[in-house]
Amino acid sequence: MTTATAQINIPFDLLAEAVTTLNIEHKIKLWKLLGKEIAEAPKATRNNIDTSAIDSLDRVFEKVLLETGMTEDELVEAFVK
């Protein structure tokens, strides 16, 4: 016997709200299921994650340094103040 499956996209906020309506037994069951899924998930490394956001930030950082003539230390100090 085969099992039919379907994939749907549910906004996280809607999912989180729905979880609050579960009774305690179902919340515990969900907690255990999620714990198992998290434990089995591959560990994130720089090699297997999307680094486009990091690369984009690096390019912006370099552009600011070039256009302002600031050093990296001066730029960091400007953000800290």
N, C-alpha and C. Protein backbone atom coordinates (compact mmCIF):
# COMPACT_ATOMS: atom_id res chain seq x y z
N MET A 1 0.83 -1.17 0.00
CA MET A 1 0.00 0.00 0.00
C MET A 1 0.89 1.24 0.00
N THR A 2 0.61 2.19 -0.90
CA THR A 2 1.39 3.41 -0.95
C THR A 2 0.69 4.51 -0.17
N THR A 3 1.49 5.45 0.29
CA THR A 3 0.96 6.57 1.03
C THR A 3 1.01 7.81 0.16
N ALA A 4 -0.10 8.49 0.02
CA ALA A 4 -0.14 9.72 -0.76
C ALA A 4 0.39 10.86 0.10
N THR A 5 1.17 11.72 -0.53
CA THR A 5 1.69 12.89 0.18
C THR A 5 1.41 14.13 -0.63
N ALA A 6 1.41 15.26 0.06
CA ALA A 6 1.22 16.55 -0.59
C ALA A 6 2.12 17.56 0.09
N GLN A 7 2.54 18.55 -0.66
CA GLN A 7 3.37 19.60 -0.09
C GLN A 7 2.62 20.91 -0.21
N ILE A 8 2.51 21.62 0.92
CA ILE A 8 1.85 22.92 0.91
C ILE A 8 2.74 23.93 1.60
N ASN A 9 2.60 25.18 1.23
CA ASN A 9 3.36 26.25 1.87
C ASN A 9 2.44 26.99 2.83
N ILE A 10 2.85 27.03 4.09
CA ILE A 10 2.08 27.70 5.13
C ILE A 10 2.98 28.77 5.75
N PRO A 11 2.52 30.02 5.79
CA PRO A 11 3.32 31.06 6.44
C PRO A 11 3.64 30.69 7.89
N PHE A 12 4.86 30.97 8.31
CA PHE A 12 5.29 30.58 9.65
C PHE A 12 4.38 31.16 10.74
N ASP A 13 3.99 32.43 10.60
CA ASP A 13 3.13 33.05 11.61
C ASP A 13 1.82 32.29 11.76
N LEU A 14 1.24 31.86 10.67
CA LEU A 14 -0.01 31.10 10.71
C LEU A 14 0.20 29.75 11.37
N LEU A 15 1.32 29.12 11.05
CA LEU A 15 1.65 27.83 11.66
C LEU A 15 1.85 27.99 13.17
N ALA A 16 2.58 29.01 13.57
CA ALA A 16 2.82 29.25 15.00
C ALA A 16 1.52 29.50 15.74
N GLU A 17 0.63 30.24 15.12
CA GLU A 17 -0.67 30.51 15.74
C GLU A 17 -1.48 29.21 15.88
N ALA A 18 -1.43 28.37 14.87
CA ALA A 18 -2.17 27.10 14.91
C ALA A 18 -1.64 26.19 16.02
N VAL A 19 -0.34 26.20 16.24
CA VAL A 19 0.25 25.35 17.28
C VAL A 19 -0.28 25.73 18.65
N THR A 20 -0.57 27.00 18.85
CA THR A 20 -1.08 27.42 20.16
C THR A 20 -2.45 26.84 20.47
N THR A 21 -3.16 26.38 19.45
CA THR A 21 -4.49 25.82 19.68
C THR A 21 -4.47 24.32 19.98
N LEU A 22 -3.32 23.69 19.86
CA LEU A 22 -3.23 22.25 20.11
C LEU A 22 -3.38 21.95 21.60
N ASN A 23 -3.90 20.76 21.89
CA ASN A 23 -3.94 20.36 23.30
C ASN A 23 -2.54 19.88 23.70
N ILE A 24 -2.33 19.71 24.98
CA ILE A 24 -0.99 19.41 25.50
C ILE A 24 -0.41 18.12 24.91
N GLU A 25 -1.23 17.11 24.70
CA GLU A 25 -0.72 15.85 24.16
C GLU A 25 -0.17 16.04 22.74
N HIS A 26 -0.91 16.82 21.94
CA HIS A 26 -0.45 17.06 20.58
C HIS A 26 0.78 17.98 20.54
N LYS A 27 0.86 18.92 21.47
CA LYS A 27 2.05 19.77 21.56
C LYS A 27 3.28 18.94 21.89
N ILE A 28 3.14 18.00 22.81
CA ILE A 28 4.26 17.13 23.18
C ILE A 28 4.66 16.26 21.99
N LYS A 29 3.68 15.72 21.29
CA LYS A 29 3.96 14.89 20.11
C LYS A 29 4.71 15.71 19.05
N LEU A 30 4.26 16.95 18.82
CA LEU A 30 4.92 17.83 17.86
C LEU A 30 6.34 18.16 18.31
N TRP A 31 6.52 18.44 19.61
CA TRP A 31 7.84 18.75 20.17
C TRP A 31 8.82 17.60 19.92
N LYS A 32 8.37 16.38 20.17
CA LYS A 32 9.23 15.20 19.96
C LYS A 32 9.56 15.02 18.48
N LEU A 33 8.58 15.21 17.62
CA LEU A 33 8.81 15.08 16.18
C LEU A 33 9.81 16.12 15.68
N LEU A 34 9.64 17.37 16.11
CA LEU A 34 10.57 18.42 15.71
C LEU A 34 11.97 18.17 16.26
N GLY A 35 12.04 17.70 17.49
CA GLY A 35 13.34 17.38 18.08
C GLY A 35 14.07 16.32 17.27
N LYS A 36 13.34 15.31 16.82
CA LYS A 36 13.94 14.25 16.01
C LYS A 36 14.41 14.80 14.67
N GLU A 37 13.59 15.63 14.04
CA GLU A 37 13.96 16.22 12.75
C GLU A 37 15.20 17.11 12.88
N ILE A 38 15.26 17.89 13.93
CA ILE A 38 16.40 18.78 14.14
C ILE A 38 17.67 17.97 14.39
N ALA A 39 17.56 16.91 15.17
CA ALA A 39 18.72 16.07 15.46
C ALA A 39 19.26 15.39 14.21
N GLU A 40 18.38 15.06 13.26
CA GLU A 40 18.79 14.38 12.05
C GLU A 40 19.24 15.33 10.94
N ALA A 41 18.96 16.63 11.11
CA ALA A 41 19.32 17.60 10.07
C ALA A 41 20.83 17.74 9.99
N PRO A 42 21.36 17.89 8.78
CA PRO A 42 22.81 18.07 8.64
C PRO A 42 23.23 19.39 9.28
N LYS A 43 24.41 19.40 9.84
CA LYS A 43 24.93 20.60 10.46
C LYS A 43 25.23 21.63 9.38
N ALA A 44 24.84 22.88 9.62
CA ALA A 44 25.10 23.95 8.65
C ALA A 44 26.57 24.33 8.68
N THR A 45 27.15 24.40 7.54
CA THR A 45 28.53 24.87 7.40
C THR A 45 28.56 25.92 6.31
N ARG A 46 29.63 26.63 6.23
CA ARG A 46 29.75 27.65 5.19
C ARG A 46 29.68 27.01 3.80
N ASN A 47 30.01 25.73 3.69
CA ASN A 47 29.99 25.06 2.40
C ASN A 47 28.59 24.66 1.95
N ASN A 48 27.65 24.50 2.87
CA ASN A 48 26.33 24.04 2.45
C ASN A 48 25.20 25.01 2.78
N ILE A 49 25.53 26.29 3.05
CA ILE A 49 24.50 27.28 3.25
C ILE A 49 24.59 28.33 2.16
N ASP A 50 23.52 29.04 1.96
CA ASP A 50 23.50 30.11 0.97
C ASP A 50 24.31 31.27 1.52
N THR A 51 25.41 31.58 0.87
CA THR A 51 26.28 32.65 1.35
C THR A 51 26.06 33.95 0.59
N SER A 52 24.99 34.04 -0.19
CA SER A 52 24.77 35.23 -1.01
C SER A 52 24.60 36.48 -0.15
N ALA A 53 23.93 36.36 0.99
CA ALA A 53 23.75 37.53 1.86
C ALA A 53 25.08 37.99 2.43
N ILE A 54 25.92 37.03 2.82
CA ILE A 54 27.24 37.37 3.35
C ILE A 54 28.09 38.03 2.27
N ASP A 55 28.05 37.47 1.06
CA ASP A 55 28.82 38.03 -0.05
C ASP A 55 28.34 39.44 -0.38
N SER A 56 27.04 39.66 -0.36
CA SER A 56 26.47 40.97 -0.64
C SER A 56 26.92 41.99 0.40
N LEU A 57 26.90 41.59 1.67
CA LEU A 57 27.35 42.48 2.74
C LEU A 57 28.83 42.81 2.58
N ASP A 58 29.63 41.83 2.21
CA ASP A 58 31.06 42.07 1.97
C ASP A 58 31.27 43.11 0.87
N ARG A 59 30.49 43.01 -0.21
CA ARG A 59 30.63 43.97 -1.32
C ARG A 59 30.23 45.38 -0.87
N VAL A 60 29.16 45.50 -0.09
CA VAL A 60 28.73 46.80 0.41
C VAL A 60 29.80 47.39 1.31
N PHE A 61 30.35 46.56 2.18
CA PHE A 61 31.40 46.99 3.11
C PHE A 61 32.61 47.54 2.34
N GLU A 62 33.04 46.80 1.31
CA GLU A 62 34.18 47.23 0.49
C GLU A 62 33.87 48.54 -0.23
N LYS A 63 32.65 48.69 -0.73
CA LYS A 63 32.26 49.90 -1.45
C LYS A 63 32.29 51.10 -0.51
N VAL A 64 31.77 50.94 0.70
CA VAL A 64 31.78 52.04 1.67
C VAL A 64 33.22 52.44 1.99
N LEU A 65 34.09 51.46 2.18
CA LEU A 65 35.50 51.77 2.47
C LEU A 65 36.14 52.54 1.33
N LEU A 66 35.89 52.11 0.10
CA LEU A 66 36.48 52.79 -1.06
C LEU A 66 35.95 54.20 -1.22
N GLU A 67 34.65 54.38 -1.06
CA GLU A 67 34.05 55.69 -1.30
C GLU A 67 34.32 56.69 -0.18
N THR A 68 34.53 56.21 1.04
CA THR A 68 34.77 57.12 2.16
C THR A 68 36.24 57.29 2.47
N GLY A 69 37.06 56.35 2.03
CA GLY A 69 38.48 56.41 2.35
C GLY A 69 38.77 56.00 3.78
N MET A 70 37.77 55.44 4.45
CA MET A 70 37.94 55.02 5.84
C MET A 70 38.68 53.69 5.90
N THR A 71 39.31 53.44 7.04
CA THR A 71 39.88 52.12 7.29
C THR A 71 38.78 51.25 7.87
N GLU A 72 39.02 49.94 7.91
CA GLU A 72 38.04 49.04 8.50
C GLU A 72 37.79 49.40 9.96
N ASP A 73 38.85 49.70 10.70
CA ASP A 73 38.70 50.07 12.11
C ASP A 73 37.86 51.33 12.28
N GLU A 74 38.08 52.32 11.41
CA GLU A 74 37.31 53.56 11.50
C GLU A 74 35.82 53.31 11.21
N LEU A 75 35.56 52.45 10.24
CA LEU A 75 34.17 52.14 9.90
C LEU A 75 33.48 51.40 11.04
N VAL A 76 34.17 50.43 11.62
CA VAL A 76 33.59 49.69 12.76
C VAL A 76 33.35 50.64 13.93
N GLU A 77 34.30 51.53 14.18
CA GLU A 77 34.16 52.47 15.29
C GLU A 77 32.98 53.42 15.04
N ALA A 78 32.78 53.82 13.79
CA ALA A 78 31.64 54.70 13.45
C ALA A 78 30.31 54.02 13.73
N PHE A 79 30.23 52.71 13.46
CA PHE A 79 28.98 51.97 13.72
C PHE A 79 28.76 51.76 15.20
N VAL A 80 29.83 51.62 15.97
CA VAL A 80 29.71 51.34 17.39
C VAL A 80 29.22 52.58 18.14
N LYS A 81 29.62 53.76 17.65
CA LYS A 81 29.24 55.01 18.34
C LYS A 81 27.83 55.39 18.09
